[in-house]
């Protein structure tokens, strides 16, 4: 299998896992550990398929993911995000170079804010007294799919 074909298959697999994780989080407010592990474990195959050099490319991508994961651990510690959300962001950081990663985080914040408003309004309208749980995995999945649109839909190298 050529590198281009393999990278497309891997990105499509990632997209399916993201859709599955978003649906699961919306339904249960949890993201299965195996989905986050699969996202993380598929990344090195994607690096290889894209022709990244072990040094410095793969090392830099891994370092970027470690930094992002460490930053989002703080959000978990503050109770702002669930553990599955943090693991998913860290795993996705293995796939995305800096600029697409920053765009993913921006889109995630915007979608997450809108999602939070909708869930809070729904919670209030139903007069629920339980704590509000935001399925942030939905926002993460949407943002990641947005960031992946280039390798998914422009794999022929055509400039839009």
N, C-alpha and C. Protein backbone atom coordinates (compact mmCIF):
# COMPACT_ATOMS: atom_id res chain seq x y z
N UNK A 1 0.85 -1.17 0.00
CA UNK A 1 0.00 0.00 0.00
C UNK A 1 0.90 1.24 0.00
N UNK A 2 0.71 2.14 -0.95
CA UNK A 2 1.50 3.36 -1.02
C UNK A 2 1.24 4.24 0.19
N UNK A 3 2.21 5.11 0.51
CA UNK A 3 2.09 6.00 1.65
C UNK A 3 0.87 6.90 1.57
N UNK A 4 0.57 7.41 0.35
CA UNK A 4 -0.59 8.28 0.19
C UNK A 4 -1.88 7.53 0.51
N UNK A 5 -1.99 6.33 -0.01
CA UNK A 5 -3.19 5.53 0.24
C UNK A 5 -3.29 5.16 1.71
N UNK A 6 -2.18 4.77 2.31
CA UNK A 6 -2.18 4.42 3.73
C UNK A 6 -2.55 5.61 4.58
N UNK A 7 -2.03 6.79 4.27
CA UNK A 7 -2.36 7.96 5.07
C UNK A 7 -3.85 8.30 4.96
N UNK A 8 -4.42 8.12 3.78
CA UNK A 8 -5.86 8.37 3.61
C UNK A 8 -6.67 7.37 4.42
N UNK A 9 -6.28 6.11 4.39
CA UNK A 9 -6.98 5.08 5.17
C UNK A 9 -6.88 5.39 6.67
N UNK A 10 -5.71 5.81 7.11
CA UNK A 10 -5.53 6.13 8.53
C UNK A 10 -6.35 7.34 8.95
N UNK A 11 -6.38 8.38 8.12
CA UNK A 11 -7.18 9.56 8.45
C UNK A 11 -8.67 9.22 8.44
N UNK A 12 -9.09 8.41 7.49
CA UNK A 12 -10.50 7.98 7.45
C UNK A 12 -10.84 7.15 8.69
N UNK A 13 -9.93 6.29 9.11
CA UNK A 13 -10.14 5.50 10.33
C UNK A 13 -10.25 6.43 11.54
N UNK A 14 -9.36 7.42 11.60
CA UNK A 14 -9.43 8.41 12.68
C UNK A 14 -10.78 9.12 12.67
N UNK A 15 -11.26 9.50 11.50
CA UNK A 15 -12.55 10.19 11.40
C UNK A 15 -13.68 9.31 11.94
N UNK A 16 -13.65 8.03 11.62
CA UNK A 16 -14.69 7.12 12.12
C UNK A 16 -14.62 6.99 13.65
N UNK A 17 -13.42 6.92 14.19
CA UNK A 17 -13.26 6.84 15.65
C UNK A 17 -13.78 8.12 16.29
N UNK A 18 -13.49 9.26 15.68
CA UNK A 18 -13.95 10.53 16.23
C UNK A 18 -15.47 10.63 16.24
N UNK A 19 -16.10 10.23 15.15
CA UNK A 19 -17.57 10.24 15.10
C UNK A 19 -18.13 9.32 16.18
N UNK A 20 -17.55 8.15 16.31
CA UNK A 20 -17.99 7.19 17.32
C UNK A 20 -17.81 7.76 18.74
N UNK A 21 -16.67 8.38 18.98
CA UNK A 21 -16.41 8.95 20.31
C UNK A 21 -17.35 10.10 20.61
N UNK A 22 -17.63 10.95 19.62
CA UNK A 22 -18.56 12.06 19.83
C UNK A 22 -19.96 11.57 20.15
N UNK A 23 -20.40 10.56 19.43
CA UNK A 23 -21.74 9.98 19.69
C UNK A 23 -21.77 9.35 21.08
N UNK A 24 -20.74 8.60 21.42
CA UNK A 24 -20.69 7.97 22.73
C UNK A 24 -20.71 9.02 23.84
N UNK A 25 -19.94 10.08 23.69
CA UNK A 25 -19.90 11.11 24.73
C UNK A 25 -21.24 11.81 24.86
N UNK A 26 -21.92 12.05 23.74
CA UNK A 26 -23.24 12.68 23.79
C UNK A 26 -24.24 11.79 24.53
N UNK A 27 -24.12 10.49 24.34
CA UNK A 27 -25.06 9.55 24.98
C UNK A 27 -24.74 9.25 26.43
N UNK A 28 -23.47 9.06 26.74
CA UNK A 28 -23.09 8.54 28.07
C UNK A 28 -22.23 9.48 28.90
N UNK A 29 -21.76 10.56 28.29
CA UNK A 29 -20.82 11.50 28.92
C UNK A 29 -19.49 10.84 29.25
N UNK A 30 -19.12 9.84 28.46
CA UNK A 30 -17.84 9.16 28.60
C UNK A 30 -17.29 8.84 27.21
N UNK A 31 -15.97 8.76 27.15
CA UNK A 31 -15.28 8.34 25.92
C UNK A 31 -14.46 7.12 26.30
N UNK A 32 -14.68 6.03 25.60
CA UNK A 32 -13.98 4.78 25.90
C UNK A 32 -12.47 4.96 25.77
N UNK A 33 -11.75 4.42 26.73
CA UNK A 33 -10.28 4.50 26.70
C UNK A 33 -9.70 3.87 25.44
N UNK A 34 -10.33 2.80 24.93
CA UNK A 34 -9.77 2.15 23.75
C UNK A 34 -9.82 3.07 22.53
N UNK A 35 -10.80 3.97 22.49
CA UNK A 35 -10.87 4.90 21.35
C UNK A 35 -9.72 5.90 21.41
N UNK A 36 -9.46 6.43 22.59
CA UNK A 36 -8.33 7.36 22.74
C UNK A 36 -7.00 6.65 22.51
N UNK A 37 -6.91 5.42 22.98
CA UNK A 37 -5.67 4.65 22.75
C UNK A 37 -5.48 4.37 21.26
N UNK A 38 -6.56 4.05 20.57
CA UNK A 38 -6.45 3.79 19.12
C UNK A 38 -6.01 5.05 18.38
N UNK A 39 -6.56 6.20 18.76
CA UNK A 39 -6.15 7.46 18.14
C UNK A 39 -4.65 7.66 18.33
N UNK A 40 -4.18 7.47 19.55
CA UNK A 40 -2.76 7.68 19.86
C UNK A 40 -1.88 6.65 19.15
N UNK A 41 -2.29 5.39 19.16
CA UNK A 41 -1.45 4.33 18.60
C UNK A 41 -1.40 4.34 17.07
N UNK A 42 -2.40 4.91 16.43
CA UNK A 42 -2.39 5.01 14.97
C UNK A 42 -1.52 6.16 14.47
N UNK A 43 -1.26 7.14 15.31
CA UNK A 43 -0.50 8.32 14.89
C UNK A 43 0.89 7.98 14.33
N UNK A 44 1.69 7.13 14.99
CA UNK A 44 3.00 6.82 14.41
C UNK A 44 2.92 6.18 13.02
N UNK A 45 1.89 5.40 12.75
CA UNK A 45 1.71 4.83 11.41
C UNK A 45 1.41 5.95 10.40
N UNK A 46 0.63 6.94 10.86
CA UNK A 46 0.34 8.09 10.01
C UNK A 46 1.62 8.88 9.73
N UNK A 47 2.44 9.08 10.76
CA UNK A 47 3.72 9.78 10.57
C UNK A 47 4.55 9.06 9.51
N UNK A 48 4.63 7.74 9.65
CA UNK A 48 5.42 6.94 8.71
C UNK A 48 4.86 7.06 7.30
N UNK A 49 3.53 6.97 7.19
CA UNK A 49 2.89 7.06 5.87
C UNK A 49 3.11 8.42 5.23
N UNK A 50 3.23 9.45 6.06
CA UNK A 50 3.46 10.81 5.55
C UNK A 50 4.93 11.10 5.29
N UNK A 51 5.80 10.16 5.65
CA UNK A 51 7.21 10.32 5.38
C UNK A 51 7.96 11.19 6.38
N UNK A 52 7.43 11.32 7.59
CA UNK A 52 8.13 12.11 8.60
C UNK A 52 9.41 11.41 9.02
N UNK A 53 10.45 12.18 9.21
CA UNK A 53 11.71 11.65 9.72
C UNK A 53 11.59 11.47 11.23
N UNK A 54 12.24 10.43 11.75
CA UNK A 54 12.20 10.19 13.19
C UNK A 54 12.72 11.42 13.94
N UNK A 55 13.84 11.95 13.43
CA UNK A 55 14.38 13.17 14.03
C UNK A 55 14.51 14.21 12.93
N UNK A 56 14.01 15.37 13.05
CA UNK A 56 13.36 15.95 14.22
C UNK A 56 11.83 15.89 14.16
N UNK A 57 11.26 15.45 13.00
CA UNK A 57 9.82 15.56 12.77
C UNK A 57 8.96 14.79 13.77
N UNK A 58 9.19 13.48 13.88
CA UNK A 58 8.39 12.67 14.81
C UNK A 58 8.63 13.10 16.25
N UNK A 59 9.87 13.40 16.58
CA UNK A 59 10.19 13.84 17.94
C UNK A 59 9.48 15.15 18.27
N UNK A 60 9.45 16.07 17.32
CA UNK A 60 8.77 17.35 17.53
C UNK A 60 7.27 17.16 17.70
N UNK A 61 6.69 16.28 16.89
CA UNK A 61 5.24 16.02 17.00
C UNK A 61 4.91 15.40 18.35
N UNK A 62 5.74 14.48 18.79
CA UNK A 62 5.54 13.84 20.09
C UNK A 62 5.69 14.88 21.21
N UNK A 63 6.70 15.73 21.10
CA UNK A 63 6.90 16.78 22.12
C UNK A 63 5.73 17.75 22.17
N UNK A 64 5.22 18.14 21.01
CA UNK A 64 4.05 19.02 20.95
C UNK A 64 2.86 18.37 21.65
N UNK A 65 2.64 17.09 21.37
CA UNK A 65 1.53 16.38 22.00
C UNK A 65 1.70 16.31 23.52
N UNK A 66 2.92 16.10 23.98
CA UNK A 66 3.17 16.08 25.44
C UNK A 66 2.84 17.42 26.07
N UNK A 67 3.23 18.50 25.42
CA UNK A 67 2.94 19.84 25.95
C UNK A 67 1.44 20.08 26.01
N UNK A 68 0.74 19.76 24.93
CA UNK A 68 -0.72 19.95 24.89
C UNK A 68 -1.39 19.10 25.96
N UNK A 69 -0.97 17.85 26.07
CA UNK A 69 -1.56 16.96 27.08
C UNK A 69 -1.34 17.52 28.48
N UNK A 70 -0.13 17.99 28.76
CA UNK A 70 0.18 18.55 30.08
C UNK A 70 -0.68 19.78 30.36
N UNK A 71 -0.87 20.64 29.37
CA UNK A 71 -1.71 21.83 29.57
C UNK A 71 -3.16 21.45 29.87
N UNK A 72 -3.65 20.45 29.17
CA UNK A 72 -5.05 20.06 29.38
C UNK A 72 -5.24 19.23 30.64
N UNK A 73 -4.19 18.64 31.16
CA UNK A 73 -4.30 17.98 32.46
C UNK A 73 -4.71 19.00 33.52
N UNK A 74 -4.23 20.23 33.36
CA UNK A 74 -4.62 21.30 34.29
C UNK A 74 -6.12 21.54 34.25
N UNK A 75 -6.72 21.48 33.05
CA UNK A 75 -8.18 21.67 32.97
C UNK A 75 -8.92 20.54 33.67
N UNK A 76 -8.36 19.35 33.60
CA UNK A 76 -8.95 18.21 34.32
C UNK A 76 -8.83 18.43 35.83
N UNK A 77 -7.65 18.86 36.27
CA UNK A 77 -7.42 19.08 37.69
C UNK A 77 -8.36 20.16 38.25
N UNK A 78 -8.70 21.13 37.43
CA UNK A 78 -9.61 22.19 37.85
C UNK A 78 -11.08 21.78 37.72
N UNK A 79 -11.31 20.60 37.17
CA UNK A 79 -12.69 20.12 37.01
C UNK A 79 -13.40 20.70 35.81
N UNK A 80 -12.66 21.27 34.89
CA UNK A 80 -13.27 21.89 33.72
C UNK A 80 -13.51 20.92 32.58
N UNK A 81 -12.76 19.82 32.56
CA UNK A 81 -12.90 18.81 31.51
C UNK A 81 -12.78 17.43 32.11
N UNK A 82 -13.37 16.47 31.45
CA UNK A 82 -13.25 15.09 31.89
C UNK A 82 -11.95 14.47 31.40
N UNK A 83 -11.58 13.38 32.01
CA UNK A 83 -10.34 12.69 31.66
C UNK A 83 -10.33 12.18 30.23
N UNK A 84 -11.46 11.68 29.76
CA UNK A 84 -11.54 11.20 28.38
C UNK A 84 -11.34 12.32 27.38
N UNK A 85 -11.86 13.50 27.69
CA UNK A 85 -11.68 14.65 26.82
C UNK A 85 -10.20 15.02 26.72
N UNK A 86 -9.53 15.05 27.87
CA UNK A 86 -8.11 15.41 27.91
C UNK A 86 -7.28 14.38 27.15
N UNK A 87 -7.59 13.10 27.34
CA UNK A 87 -6.86 12.06 26.63
C UNK A 87 -7.09 12.17 25.12
N UNK A 88 -8.31 12.51 24.71
CA UNK A 88 -8.60 12.64 23.29
C UNK A 88 -7.82 13.81 22.69
N UNK A 89 -7.76 14.93 23.38
CA UNK A 89 -7.01 16.09 22.87
C UNK A 89 -5.53 15.74 22.76
N UNK A 90 -4.99 15.09 23.78
CA UNK A 90 -3.59 14.68 23.73
C UNK A 90 -3.30 13.73 22.60
N UNK A 91 -4.20 12.77 22.37
CA UNK A 91 -4.02 11.81 21.29
C UNK A 91 -4.11 12.50 19.93
N UNK A 92 -5.03 13.44 19.79
CA UNK A 92 -5.16 14.16 18.52
C UNK A 92 -3.96 15.05 18.24
N UNK A 93 -3.34 15.56 19.31
CA UNK A 93 -2.14 16.39 19.14
C UNK A 93 -1.00 15.60 18.50
N UNK A 94 -1.05 14.28 18.60
CA UNK A 94 -0.06 13.45 17.92
C UNK A 94 -0.23 13.50 16.39
N UNK A 95 -1.42 13.79 15.94
CA UNK A 95 -1.74 13.77 14.51
C UNK A 95 -1.54 15.11 13.83
N UNK A 96 -1.70 16.20 14.57
CA UNK A 96 -1.79 17.52 13.94
C UNK A 96 -0.55 18.36 14.18
N UNK A 97 0.05 18.89 13.12
CA UNK A 97 1.14 19.85 13.31
C UNK A 97 0.61 21.10 14.02
N UNK A 98 1.50 21.98 14.40
CA UNK A 98 1.15 23.12 15.25
C UNK A 98 -0.01 23.96 14.73
N UNK A 99 0.05 24.41 13.49
CA UNK A 99 -1.00 25.31 12.99
C UNK A 99 -2.36 24.62 12.92
N UNK A 100 -2.49 23.43 12.33
CA UNK A 100 -3.79 22.76 12.36
C UNK A 100 -4.25 22.45 13.79
N UNK A 101 -3.32 22.17 14.69
CA UNK A 101 -3.67 21.89 16.09
C UNK A 101 -4.25 23.14 16.74
N UNK A 102 -3.63 24.29 16.50
CA UNK A 102 -4.15 25.54 17.07
C UNK A 102 -5.55 25.82 16.52
N UNK A 103 -5.73 25.61 15.21
CA UNK A 103 -7.07 25.79 14.62
C UNK A 103 -8.08 24.83 15.25
N UNK A 104 -7.65 23.59 15.47
CA UNK A 104 -8.55 22.62 16.10
C UNK A 104 -8.95 23.12 17.49
N UNK A 105 -8.01 23.62 18.26
CA UNK A 105 -8.31 24.09 19.61
C UNK A 105 -9.23 25.31 19.60
N UNK A 106 -9.04 26.18 18.62
CA UNK A 106 -9.92 27.35 18.50
C UNK A 106 -11.34 26.91 18.16
N UNK A 107 -11.47 26.05 17.16
CA UNK A 107 -12.80 25.56 16.76
C UNK A 107 -13.42 24.78 17.92
N UNK A 108 -12.62 23.98 18.63
CA UNK A 108 -13.11 23.22 19.78
C UNK A 108 -13.68 24.17 20.83
N UNK A 109 -13.00 25.26 21.09
CA UNK A 109 -13.47 26.23 22.08
C UNK A 109 -14.79 26.86 21.66
N UNK A 110 -14.88 27.23 20.39
CA UNK A 110 -16.11 27.86 19.90
C UNK A 110 -17.29 26.88 19.92
N UNK A 111 -17.07 25.69 19.39
CA UNK A 111 -18.13 24.68 19.38
C UNK A 111 -18.48 24.27 20.82
N UNK A 112 -17.45 24.13 21.65
CA UNK A 112 -17.67 23.77 23.05
C UNK A 112 -18.46 24.83 23.79
N UNK A 113 -18.20 26.09 23.52
CA UNK A 113 -18.97 27.17 24.15
C UNK A 113 -20.43 27.14 23.74
N UNK A 114 -20.67 26.95 22.44
CA UNK A 114 -22.05 26.85 21.95
C UNK A 114 -22.74 25.63 22.54
N UNK A 115 -22.04 24.51 22.58
CA UNK A 115 -22.59 23.29 23.15
C UNK A 115 -22.92 23.47 24.63
N UNK A 116 -22.03 24.13 25.35
CA UNK A 116 -22.26 24.39 26.77
C UNK A 116 -23.51 25.25 26.97
N UNK A 117 -23.67 26.27 26.14
CA UNK A 117 -24.87 27.13 26.26
C UNK A 117 -26.13 26.33 26.00
N UNK A 118 -26.13 25.49 24.98
CA UNK A 118 -27.31 24.68 24.65
C UNK A 118 -27.64 23.72 25.79
N UNK A 119 -26.62 23.04 26.31
CA UNK A 119 -26.84 22.07 27.39
C UNK A 119 -27.33 22.78 28.65
N UNK A 120 -26.77 23.94 28.95
CA UNK A 120 -27.21 24.67 30.15
C UNK A 120 -28.64 25.18 30.01
N UNK A 121 -29.01 25.66 28.82
CA UNK A 121 -30.39 26.10 28.59
C UNK A 121 -31.35 24.92 28.73
N UNK A 122 -30.99 23.81 28.10
CA UNK A 122 -31.83 22.60 28.21
C UNK A 122 -31.96 22.15 29.66
N UNK A 123 -30.87 22.21 30.39
CA UNK A 123 -30.85 21.81 31.81
C UNK A 123 -31.79 22.70 32.62
N UNK A 124 -31.74 23.99 32.35
CA UNK A 124 -32.58 24.94 33.08
C UNK A 124 -34.05 24.79 32.69
N UNK A 125 -34.34 24.61 31.40
CA UNK A 125 -35.72 24.46 30.94
C UNK A 125 -36.38 23.22 31.55
N UNK A 126 -35.60 22.18 31.74
CA UNK A 126 -36.14 20.95 32.34
C UNK A 126 -36.12 21.00 33.86
N UNK A 127 -35.64 22.11 34.41
CA UNK A 127 -35.57 22.33 35.87
C UNK A 127 -34.82 21.21 36.59
N UNK A 128 -33.74 20.79 36.00
CA UNK A 128 -32.92 19.75 36.62
C UNK A 128 -32.08 20.35 37.72
N UNK A 129 -31.87 19.57 38.76
CA UNK A 129 -31.04 20.03 39.88
C UNK A 129 -29.69 19.31 39.93
N UNK A 130 -29.50 18.37 39.05
CA UNK A 130 -28.22 17.64 39.00
C UNK A 130 -27.15 18.53 38.37
N UNK A 131 -25.89 18.23 38.64
CA UNK A 131 -24.83 19.03 38.02
C UNK A 131 -24.87 18.90 36.49
N UNK A 132 -24.52 19.99 35.81
CA UNK A 132 -24.50 20.00 34.35
C UNK A 132 -23.23 19.29 33.88
N UNK A 133 -23.39 18.32 32.99
CA UNK A 133 -22.26 17.62 32.38
C UNK A 133 -22.27 17.91 30.89
N UNK A 134 -21.19 18.50 30.43
CA UNK A 134 -21.09 18.88 29.02
C UNK A 134 -20.36 17.76 28.26
N UNK A 135 -20.96 17.24 27.20
CA UNK A 135 -20.28 16.22 26.39
C UNK A 135 -19.25 16.87 25.47
N UNK A 136 -18.13 17.32 26.07
CA UNK A 136 -17.14 18.08 25.33
C UNK A 136 -16.46 17.25 24.24
N UNK A 137 -16.56 15.93 24.35
CA UNK A 137 -16.03 15.08 23.29
C UNK A 137 -16.67 15.37 21.95
N UNK A 138 -17.92 15.84 21.97
CA UNK A 138 -18.61 16.21 20.74
C UNK A 138 -17.88 17.39 20.09
N UNK A 139 -17.56 18.40 20.89
CA UNK A 139 -16.85 19.58 20.37
C UNK A 139 -15.45 19.20 19.89
N UNK A 140 -14.78 18.34 20.63
CA UNK A 140 -13.43 17.90 20.23
C UNK A 140 -13.49 17.16 18.90
N UNK A 141 -14.45 16.26 18.77
CA UNK A 141 -14.58 15.47 17.54
C UNK A 141 -14.90 16.37 16.34
N UNK A 142 -15.83 17.30 16.51
CA UNK A 142 -16.18 18.21 15.41
C UNK A 142 -14.96 19.04 15.02
N UNK A 143 -14.26 19.57 16.01
CA UNK A 143 -13.08 20.40 15.72
C UNK A 143 -11.98 19.59 15.04
N UNK A 144 -11.78 18.37 15.48
CA UNK A 144 -10.75 17.52 14.86
C UNK A 144 -11.13 17.18 13.42
N UNK A 145 -12.39 16.89 13.18
CA UNK A 145 -12.83 16.63 11.81
C UNK A 145 -12.64 17.87 10.94
N UNK A 146 -12.88 19.03 11.51
CA UNK A 146 -12.63 20.28 10.79
C UNK A 146 -11.14 20.39 10.44
N UNK A 147 -10.27 20.09 11.39
CA UNK A 147 -8.83 20.17 11.17
C UNK A 147 -8.36 19.12 10.17
N UNK A 148 -9.05 17.99 10.12
CA UNK A 148 -8.66 16.90 9.22
C UNK A 148 -9.25 17.03 7.82
N UNK A 149 -10.04 18.04 7.60
CA UNK A 149 -10.70 18.17 6.29
C UNK A 149 -9.69 18.22 5.15
N UNK A 150 -8.53 18.81 5.38
CA UNK A 150 -7.53 18.91 4.32
C UNK A 150 -7.03 17.53 3.88
N UNK A 151 -6.50 16.69 4.80
CA UNK A 151 -6.04 15.39 4.32
C UNK A 151 -7.18 14.45 3.91
N UNK A 152 -8.38 14.69 4.42
CA UNK A 152 -9.51 13.83 4.03
C UNK A 152 -10.04 14.17 2.64
N UNK A 153 -10.22 15.46 2.38
CA UNK A 153 -10.90 15.86 1.17
C UNK A 153 -9.99 16.46 0.11
N UNK A 154 -8.74 16.70 0.44
CA UNK A 154 -7.82 17.28 -0.53
C UNK A 154 -6.56 16.42 -0.64
N UNK A 155 -6.74 15.12 -0.72
CA UNK A 155 -5.60 14.22 -0.78
C UNK A 155 -4.94 14.19 -2.16
N UNK A 156 -5.49 14.93 -3.10
CA UNK A 156 -4.88 14.99 -4.42
C UNK A 156 -3.95 16.20 -4.56
N UNK A 157 -3.86 17.00 -3.49
CA UNK A 157 -2.96 18.13 -3.51
C UNK A 157 -3.47 19.32 -4.29
N UNK A 158 -4.76 19.38 -4.54
CA UNK A 158 -5.34 20.49 -5.30
C UNK A 158 -5.62 21.63 -4.34
N UNK A 159 -5.16 22.82 -4.68
CA UNK A 159 -5.43 23.99 -3.85
C UNK A 159 -6.84 24.47 -4.10
N UNK A 160 -7.54 24.73 -3.01
CA UNK A 160 -8.92 25.19 -3.14
C UNK A 160 -8.99 26.69 -3.29
